[in-house]
Every structure is written in structure tokens, then in C-alpha cells.
Amino acid sequence: LYRRWFANRAHAAVAAGIVGLALARRRGPATALAVAVLPSLAHNLDYNRGRGMGSAQGLARIAAAMPARLLIDLVELGSAVRGSARHGAVVV
């Protein structure tokens, strides 16, 4: 477990983005979007460190894959929250 509640670091990053989005909504849509995406972006850059990030092509590949990874992480987090609520265990 990561930080006692999360199944992995990606779930923690997505949850932090959701909380940031909820808190930054009053600041405008651009700020809210930036705050929502930053934790996931930081996690993905840390995860992909040393995997072709030294070239422009490697960065483009990582950037192209980020929306799909974020969507997958959102679906995983949603199913983890549902299962956690269903079984009475607080692990997302």
C-alpha cells in the first residue's frame, strides 16, 4: 500500500488531482485544469524517468500516452473506490 490508503502511487496522484480540482474551481477553468493535471503529470514524469526522456521523440511519446494513462488511472480509482465502499475497506 502507498501512504496506507492507496493501492499505488498513480491512484494517489489522481486522487490529489481530483481534490485539487475541487478546491481550485473558483479560480477559473485554466487554473483548475492545471491543478488537476499536475499531480498525475509529476507521477508520470517520475515513473518514466530514464525511459527515453533525453530525446524529443521520447518526450513526445510520453506526452502522447499521458491522456490514456490518466483515463486508465481514473477508471481504476473509481472501481477501487466502489469496491472499497462495497466491502468496507478503505483502500483506493
C-alpha atoms as a PDB file:
ATOM      1  CA  LEU A   1       0.000   0.000   0.000  1.00  0.00           C
ATOM      2  CA  TYR A   2       1.120   3.528  -0.703  1.00  0.00           C
ATOM      3  CA  ARG A   3       0.540   6.025   2.122  1.00  0.00           C
ATOM      4  CA  ARG A   4      -1.679   3.483   3.938  1.00  0.00           C
ATOM      5  CA  TRP A   5      -4.760   4.096   1.759  1.00  0.00           C
ATOM      6  CA  PHE A   6      -3.784   3.869  -1.901  1.00  0.00           C
ATOM      7  CA  ALA A   7      -3.119   0.745  -3.944  1.00  0.00           C
ATOM      8  CA  ASN A   8      -0.322   2.533  -5.824  1.00  0.00           C
ATOM      9  CA  ARG A   9       1.230   5.951  -6.449  1.00  0.00           C
ATOM     10  CA  ALA A  10      -0.860   6.560  -9.573  1.00  0.00           C
ATOM     11  CA  HIS A  11      -4.083   6.335  -7.546  1.00  0.00           C
ATOM     12  CA  ALA A  12      -2.666   8.812  -5.029  1.00  0.00           C
ATOM     13  CA  ALA A  13      -1.750  11.231  -7.829  1.00  0.00           C
ATOM     14  CA  VAL A  14      -5.198  11.005  -9.419  1.00  0.00           C
ATOM     15  CA  ALA A  15      -6.897  11.487  -6.043  1.00  0.00           C
ATOM     16  CA  ALA A  16      -4.715  14.546  -5.371  1.00  0.00           C
ATOM     17  CA  GLY A  17      -5.715  15.923  -8.755  1.00  0.00           C
ATOM     18  CA  ILE A  18      -9.409  15.424  -8.007  1.00  0.00           C
ATOM     19  CA  VAL A  19      -9.060  17.200  -4.657  1.00  0.00           C
ATOM     20  CA  GLY A  20      -7.086  19.996  -6.326  1.00  0.00           C
ATOM     21  CA  LEU A  21      -9.762  20.356  -8.993  1.00  0.00           C
ATOM     22  CA  ALA A  22     -12.472  20.645  -6.357  1.00  0.00           C
ATOM     23  CA  LEU A  23     -10.509  23.287  -4.446  1.00  0.00           C
ATOM     24  CA  ALA A  24      -9.406  25.326  -7.483  1.00  0.00           C
ATOM     25  CA  ARG A  25     -12.731  25.550  -9.323  1.00  0.00           C
ATOM     26  CA  ARG A  26     -13.314  29.118  -8.143  1.00  0.00           C
ATOM     27  CA  ARG A  27     -10.015  30.314  -9.640  1.00  0.00           C
ATOM     28  CA  GLY A  28     -11.084  29.686 -13.213  1.00  0.00           C
ATOM     29  CA  PRO A  29     -11.120  26.743 -15.589  1.00  0.00           C
ATOM     30  CA  ALA A  30      -7.474  27.031 -16.688  1.00  0.00           C
ATOM     31  CA  THR A  31      -6.193  27.043 -13.122  1.00  0.00           C
ATOM     32  CA  ALA A  32      -8.495  24.204 -12.118  1.00  0.00           C
ATOM     33  CA  LEU A  33      -7.343  22.096 -15.067  1.00  0.00           C
ATOM     34  CA  ALA A  34      -3.683  22.782 -14.332  1.00  0.00           C
ATOM     35  CA  VAL A  35      -4.089  21.894 -10.662  1.00  0.00           C
ATOM     36  CA  ALA A  36      -5.981  18.714 -11.577  1.00  0.00           C
ATOM     37  CA  VAL A  37      -3.358  17.505 -14.065  1.00  0.00           C
ATOM     38  CA  LEU A  38      -0.144  18.427 -12.222  1.00  0.00           C
ATOM     39  CA  PRO A  39      -0.039  15.510  -9.730  1.00  0.00           C
ATOM     40  CA  SER A  40      -0.599  12.960 -12.498  1.00  0.00           C
ATOM     41  CA  LEU A  41       1.939  14.694 -14.737  1.00  0.00           C
ATOM     42  CA  ALA A  42       4.530  14.660 -11.960  1.00  0.00           C
ATOM     43  CA  HIS A  43       3.869  10.974 -11.280  1.00  0.00           C
ATOM     44  CA  ASN A  44       4.179  10.038 -14.958  1.00  0.00           C
ATOM     45  CA  LEU A  45       7.400  12.003 -15.416  1.00  0.00           C
ATOM     46  CA  ASP A  46       8.866  10.370 -12.310  1.00  0.00           C
ATOM     47  CA  TYR A  47       7.703   6.919 -13.454  1.00  0.00           C
ATOM     48  CA  ASN A  48       9.201   7.368 -16.941  1.00  0.00           C
ATOM     49  CA  ARG A  49      12.497   8.846 -15.764  1.00  0.00           C
ATOM     50  CA  GLY A  50      15.289   7.343 -17.837  1.00  0.00           C
ATOM     51  CA  ARG A  51      12.957   5.803 -20.415  1.00  0.00           C
ATOM     52  CA  GLY A  52      13.750   7.874 -23.471  1.00  0.00           C
ATOM     53  CA  MET A  53      13.158  11.289 -21.899  1.00  0.00           C
ATOM     54  CA  GLY A  54      16.503  12.557 -23.208  1.00  0.00           C
ATOM     55  CA  SER A  55      15.156  12.996 -26.720  1.00  0.00           C
ATOM     56  CA  ALA A  56      12.309  14.981 -28.203  1.00  0.00           C
ATOM     57  CA  GLN A  57      10.800  11.769 -29.576  1.00  0.00           C
ATOM     58  CA  GLY A  58      10.819  10.176 -26.140  1.00  0.00           C
ATOM     59  CA  LEU A  59       9.106  13.191 -24.588  1.00  0.00           C
ATOM     60  CA  ALA A  60       6.535  13.221 -27.387  1.00  0.00           C
ATOM     61  CA  ARG A  61       5.836   9.507 -26.838  1.00  0.00           C
ATOM     62  CA  ILE A  62       5.356  10.044 -23.109  1.00  0.00           C
ATOM     63  CA  ALA A  63       3.135  13.099 -23.711  1.00  0.00           C
ATOM     64  CA  ALA A  64       1.021  11.175 -26.228  1.00  0.00           C
ATOM     65  CA  ALA A  65       0.472   8.336 -23.745  1.00  0.00           C
ATOM     66  CA  MET A  66      -0.442  10.544 -20.766  1.00  0.00           C
ATOM     67  CA  PRO A  67      -4.149  11.099 -21.562  1.00  0.00           C
ATOM     68  CA  ALA A  68      -4.721   7.355 -21.931  1.00  0.00           C
ATOM     69  CA  ARG A  69      -2.816   6.625 -18.714  1.00  0.00           C
ATOM     70  CA  LEU A  70      -4.856   9.261 -16.878  1.00  0.00           C
ATOM     71  CA  LEU A  71      -8.097   7.759 -18.143  1.00  0.00           C
ATOM     72  CA  ILE A  72      -6.992   4.264 -17.099  1.00  0.00           C
ATOM     73  CA  ASP A  73      -5.983   5.546 -13.657  1.00  0.00           C
ATOM     74  CA  LEU A  74      -9.357   7.304 -13.262  1.00  0.00           C
ATOM     75  CA  VAL A  75     -11.235   4.106 -14.108  1.00  0.00           C
ATOM     76  CA  GLU A  76      -9.035   2.067 -11.750  1.00  0.00           C
ATOM     77  CA  LEU A  77      -9.523   4.585  -8.954  1.00  0.00           C
ATOM     78  CA  GLY A  78     -13.283   4.637  -9.497  1.00  0.00           C
ATOM     79  CA  SER A  79     -13.525   0.862  -9.345  1.00  0.00           C
ATOM     80  CA  ALA A  80     -11.264   0.785  -6.266  1.00  0.00           C
ATOM     81  CA  VAL A  81     -13.491   3.328  -4.504  1.00  0.00           C
ATOM     82  CA  ARG A  82     -16.590   1.324  -5.411  1.00  0.00           C
ATOM     83  CA  GLY A  83     -15.046  -1.922  -4.182  1.00  0.00           C
ATOM     84  CA  SER A  84     -13.772  -0.224  -1.050  1.00  0.00           C
ATOM     85  CA  ALA A  85     -17.228   1.061  -0.233  1.00  0.00           C
ATOM     86  CA  ARG A  86     -18.824  -2.264  -1.021  1.00  0.00           C
ATOM     87  CA  HIS A  87     -16.508  -4.307   1.165  1.00  0.00           C
ATOM     88  CA  GLY A  88     -15.929  -1.774   3.925  1.00  0.00           C
ATOM     89  CA  ALA A  89     -12.184  -1.496   3.390  1.00  0.00           C
ATOM     90  CA  VAL A  90     -10.558   1.896   2.956  1.00  0.00           C
ATOM     91  CA  VAL A  91      -8.075   1.142   0.182  1.00  0.00           C
ATOM     92  CA  VAL A  92      -8.261   3.084  -3.047  1.00  0.00           C
END
